[in-house]
Amino acid sequence: MVLRLNGNLSIDNLRHYPAAIIDELRTLLAAGALAHADPNRDNFYELDSGARMFYIHVSPRGSKVLLLASWPKGAAELERAAD
């Protein structure tokens, strides 16, 4: 699925990631991100930016995002994505 959030989006940076990562997430959400819903939790998603993964929670109203984790994609993940 594609997740797209615009407008006055608030991103809570719970783990104090660098501003560049928050900017990347904001841009990704505005453009529309490939998202995989967490089957065990409502409103939790993994987003794939190509080179980086994000694990987020989107408030039910869609105006607030909690960035819970972010990590660079490893070589194995990049190879799977290319297949």
N, C-alpha and C. Protein backbone atom coordinates (compact mmCIF):
# COMPACT_ATOMS: atom_id res chain seq x y z
N MET A 1 0.83 -1.18 0.00
CA MET A 1 0.00 0.00 0.00
C MET A 1 0.88 1.24 0.00
N VAL A 2 0.31 2.33 -0.45
CA VAL A 2 1.02 3.60 -0.44
C VAL A 2 0.41 4.48 0.64
N LEU A 3 1.26 5.01 1.49
CA LEU A 3 0.84 5.89 2.58
C LEU A 3 1.29 7.30 2.24
N ARG A 4 0.33 8.22 2.17
CA ARG A 4 0.65 9.62 1.85
C ARG A 4 -0.03 10.51 2.90
N LEU A 5 0.78 11.35 3.54
CA LEU A 5 0.27 12.30 4.54
C LEU A 5 0.81 13.68 4.21
N ASN A 6 -0.07 14.66 4.13
CA ASN A 6 0.34 16.04 3.81
C ASN A 6 -0.16 16.99 4.89
N GLY A 7 0.02 18.25 4.61
CA GLY A 7 -0.50 19.29 5.49
C GLY A 7 0.40 19.54 6.68
N ASN A 8 -0.22 19.91 7.78
CA ASN A 8 0.51 20.21 9.02
C ASN A 8 0.83 18.93 9.76
N LEU A 9 1.74 18.17 9.22
CA LEU A 9 2.12 16.89 9.80
C LEU A 9 3.17 17.10 10.88
N SER A 10 2.88 16.59 12.07
CA SER A 10 3.81 16.65 13.18
C SER A 10 4.51 15.31 13.30
N ILE A 11 5.85 15.31 13.32
CA ILE A 11 6.63 14.09 13.49
C ILE A 11 7.35 14.16 14.82
N ASP A 12 7.02 13.24 15.72
CA ASP A 12 7.71 13.14 17.00
C ASP A 12 8.92 12.24 16.83
N ASN A 13 10.09 12.79 17.10
CA ASN A 13 11.37 12.11 16.94
C ASN A 13 11.77 11.53 18.29
N LEU A 14 11.21 10.37 18.64
CA LEU A 14 11.37 9.81 19.98
C LEU A 14 12.80 9.37 20.29
N ARG A 15 13.57 9.03 19.29
CA ARG A 15 14.94 8.54 19.52
C ARG A 15 16.00 9.55 19.11
N HIS A 16 15.57 10.77 18.86
CA HIS A 16 16.50 11.87 18.55
C HIS A 16 17.38 11.59 17.33
N TYR A 17 16.75 11.13 16.26
CA TYR A 17 17.47 10.93 15.00
C TYR A 17 17.88 12.29 14.46
N PRO A 18 18.93 12.32 13.62
CA PRO A 18 19.35 13.59 13.02
C PRO A 18 18.23 14.21 12.18
N ALA A 19 18.28 15.51 12.06
CA ALA A 19 17.25 16.25 11.32
C ALA A 19 17.13 15.76 9.88
N ALA A 20 18.21 15.32 9.28
CA ALA A 20 18.18 14.84 7.90
C ALA A 20 17.26 13.62 7.75
N ILE A 21 17.24 12.76 8.75
CA ILE A 21 16.38 11.58 8.70
C ILE A 21 14.92 12.00 8.85
N ILE A 22 14.64 12.95 9.71
CA ILE A 22 13.27 13.46 9.86
C ILE A 22 12.81 14.13 8.57
N ASP A 23 13.68 14.89 7.95
CA ASP A 23 13.35 15.53 6.67
C ASP A 23 13.07 14.48 5.60
N GLU A 24 13.87 13.42 5.58
CA GLU A 24 13.65 12.34 4.61
C GLU A 24 12.28 11.69 4.83
N LEU A 25 11.93 11.44 6.09
CA LEU A 25 10.63 10.85 6.40
C LEU A 25 9.50 11.78 5.99
N ARG A 26 9.61 13.05 6.29
CA ARG A 26 8.58 14.03 5.92
C ARG A 26 8.38 14.08 4.40
N THR A 27 9.49 14.10 3.66
CA THR A 27 9.43 14.11 2.20
C THR A 27 8.81 12.83 1.67
N LEU A 28 9.20 11.72 2.25
CA LEU A 28 8.67 10.42 1.85
C LEU A 28 7.16 10.35 2.05
N LEU A 29 6.69 10.81 3.19
CA LEU A 29 5.26 10.78 3.49
C LEU A 29 4.48 11.73 2.58
N ALA A 30 5.06 12.86 2.25
CA ALA A 30 4.38 13.83 1.38
C ALA A 30 4.26 13.29 -0.05
N ALA A 31 5.28 12.56 -0.50
CA ALA A 31 5.29 12.04 -1.86
C ALA A 31 4.48 10.75 -1.99
N GLY A 32 4.35 10.03 -0.89
CA GLY A 32 3.69 8.73 -0.90
C GLY A 32 4.73 7.64 -0.75
N ALA A 33 4.65 6.90 0.32
CA ALA A 33 5.66 5.90 0.64
C ALA A 33 5.08 4.49 0.56
N LEU A 34 5.89 3.56 0.08
CA LEU A 34 5.52 2.15 0.12
C LEU A 34 5.48 1.74 1.59
N ALA A 35 4.31 1.33 2.06
CA ALA A 35 4.13 1.03 3.48
C ALA A 35 3.61 -0.40 3.65
N HIS A 36 4.09 -1.02 4.70
CA HIS A 36 3.62 -2.35 5.09
C HIS A 36 3.03 -2.22 6.49
N ALA A 37 1.74 -2.49 6.61
CA ALA A 37 1.06 -2.39 7.91
C ALA A 37 1.56 -3.50 8.82
N ASP A 38 1.75 -3.17 10.08
CA ASP A 38 2.12 -4.16 11.09
C ASP A 38 0.87 -4.99 11.37
N PRO A 39 0.92 -6.28 11.14
CA PRO A 39 -0.29 -7.11 11.32
C PRO A 39 -0.71 -7.25 12.78
N ASN A 40 0.17 -6.89 13.71
CA ASN A 40 -0.12 -7.05 15.13
C ASN A 40 -0.55 -5.77 15.83
N ARG A 41 -0.41 -4.62 15.13
CA ARG A 41 -0.70 -3.33 15.77
C ARG A 41 -1.40 -2.42 14.77
N ASP A 42 -2.49 -1.83 15.19
CA ASP A 42 -3.20 -0.87 14.34
C ASP A 42 -2.40 0.42 14.21
N ASN A 43 -2.38 0.97 13.01
CA ASN A 43 -1.75 2.26 12.71
C ASN A 43 -0.23 2.27 12.85
N PHE A 44 0.40 1.12 12.81
CA PHE A 44 1.85 1.00 12.81
C PHE A 44 2.28 0.50 11.44
N TYR A 45 3.36 1.11 10.90
CA TYR A 45 3.78 0.79 9.54
C TYR A 45 5.29 0.76 9.43
N GLU A 46 5.80 -0.06 8.50
CA GLU A 46 7.17 0.02 8.03
C GLU A 46 7.13 0.72 6.70
N LEU A 47 7.96 1.73 6.53
CA LEU A 47 8.06 2.47 5.28
C LEU A 47 9.41 2.19 4.64
N ASP A 48 9.40 2.06 3.35
CA ASP A 48 10.60 1.77 2.59
C ASP A 48 10.94 2.96 1.70
N SER A 49 12.08 3.59 1.95
CA SER A 49 12.49 4.74 1.13
C SER A 49 13.44 4.33 0.02
N GLY A 50 13.78 3.07 -0.04
CA GLY A 50 14.77 2.59 -1.00
C GLY A 50 16.07 2.24 -0.31
N ALA A 51 16.65 3.20 0.38
CA ALA A 51 17.91 2.96 1.08
C ALA A 51 17.73 2.89 2.59
N ARG A 52 16.56 3.27 3.09
CA ARG A 52 16.33 3.34 4.53
C ARG A 52 14.93 2.83 4.85
N MET A 53 14.79 2.22 6.01
CA MET A 53 13.49 1.77 6.50
C MET A 53 13.10 2.65 7.69
N PHE A 54 11.80 2.86 7.85
CA PHE A 54 11.25 3.61 8.97
C PHE A 54 10.14 2.78 9.59
N TYR A 55 10.08 2.77 10.92
CA TYR A 55 8.96 2.14 11.63
C TYR A 55 8.23 3.27 12.34
N ILE A 56 6.96 3.47 11.99
CA ILE A 56 6.22 4.62 12.50
C ILE A 56 4.85 4.21 13.03
N HIS A 57 4.29 5.10 13.82
CA HIS A 57 2.89 5.02 14.23
C HIS A 57 2.22 6.28 13.74
N VAL A 58 1.07 6.12 13.09
CA VAL A 58 0.30 7.26 12.60
C VAL A 58 -0.93 7.39 13.49
N SER A 59 -1.15 8.58 14.03
CA SER A 59 -2.32 8.79 14.88
C SER A 59 -3.57 8.51 14.06
N PRO A 60 -4.63 8.05 14.69
CA PRO A 60 -5.87 7.76 13.95
C PRO A 60 -6.39 8.96 13.15
N ARG A 61 -6.11 10.15 13.58
CA ARG A 61 -6.55 11.34 12.85
C ARG A 61 -5.61 11.70 11.70
N GLY A 62 -4.43 11.08 11.67
CA GLY A 62 -3.49 11.28 10.58
C GLY A 62 -2.70 12.57 10.64
N SER A 63 -2.74 13.28 11.76
CA SER A 63 -2.02 14.55 11.85
C SER A 63 -0.70 14.44 12.60
N LYS A 64 -0.44 13.28 13.21
CA LYS A 64 0.78 13.11 13.99
C LYS A 64 1.40 11.75 13.69
N VAL A 65 2.72 11.76 13.53
CA VAL A 65 3.48 10.54 13.29
C VAL A 65 4.52 10.40 14.38
N LEU A 66 4.65 9.21 14.92
CA LEU A 66 5.72 8.90 15.87
C LEU A 66 6.76 8.09 15.12
N LEU A 67 7.98 8.60 15.04
CA LEU A 67 9.07 7.84 14.45
C LEU A 67 9.65 6.97 15.56
N LEU A 68 9.44 5.66 15.44
CA LEU A 68 9.87 4.74 16.48
C LEU A 68 11.25 4.15 16.19
N ALA A 69 11.57 3.95 14.91
CA ALA A 69 12.87 3.39 14.55
C ALA A 69 13.17 3.69 13.09
N SER A 70 14.44 3.74 12.77
CA SER A 70 14.89 3.92 11.40
C SER A 70 16.24 3.24 11.27
N TRP A 71 16.46 2.58 10.12
CA TRP A 71 17.71 1.89 9.91
C TRP A 71 18.01 1.83 8.41
N PRO A 72 19.30 1.82 8.06
CA PRO A 72 19.65 1.69 6.65
C PRO A 72 19.35 0.26 6.20
N LYS A 73 18.91 0.12 4.96
CA LYS A 73 18.67 -1.21 4.43
C LYS A 73 20.00 -1.89 4.18
N GLY A 74 20.08 -3.15 4.57
CA GLY A 74 21.29 -3.93 4.34
C GLY A 74 21.38 -4.41 2.91
N ALA A 75 22.51 -4.95 2.55
CA ALA A 75 22.74 -5.42 1.19
C ALA A 75 21.73 -6.50 0.82
N ALA A 76 21.42 -7.41 1.73
CA ALA A 76 20.47 -8.50 1.43
C ALA A 76 19.08 -7.93 1.15
N GLU A 77 18.66 -6.93 1.92
CA GLU A 77 17.34 -6.32 1.68
C GLU A 77 17.31 -5.61 0.34
N LEU A 78 18.41 -4.94 -0.03
CA LEU A 78 18.48 -4.24 -1.31
C LEU A 78 18.41 -5.23 -2.48
N GLU A 79 19.07 -6.38 -2.32
CA GLU A 79 19.03 -7.40 -3.37
C GLU A 79 17.63 -7.97 -3.54
N ARG A 80 16.93 -8.22 -2.41
CA ARG A 80 15.55 -8.74 -2.49
C ARG A 80 14.65 -7.74 -3.17
N ALA A 81 14.82 -6.45 -2.88
CA ALA A 81 13.98 -5.42 -3.48
C ALA A 81 14.20 -5.33 -4.98
N ALA A 82 15.40 -5.65 -5.44
CA ALA A 82 15.72 -5.57 -6.87
C ALA A 82 15.11 -6.74 -7.64
N ASP A 83 14.83 -7.85 -6.96
CA ASP A 83 14.26 -9.04 -7.64
C ASP A 83 12.82 -8.84 -8.05
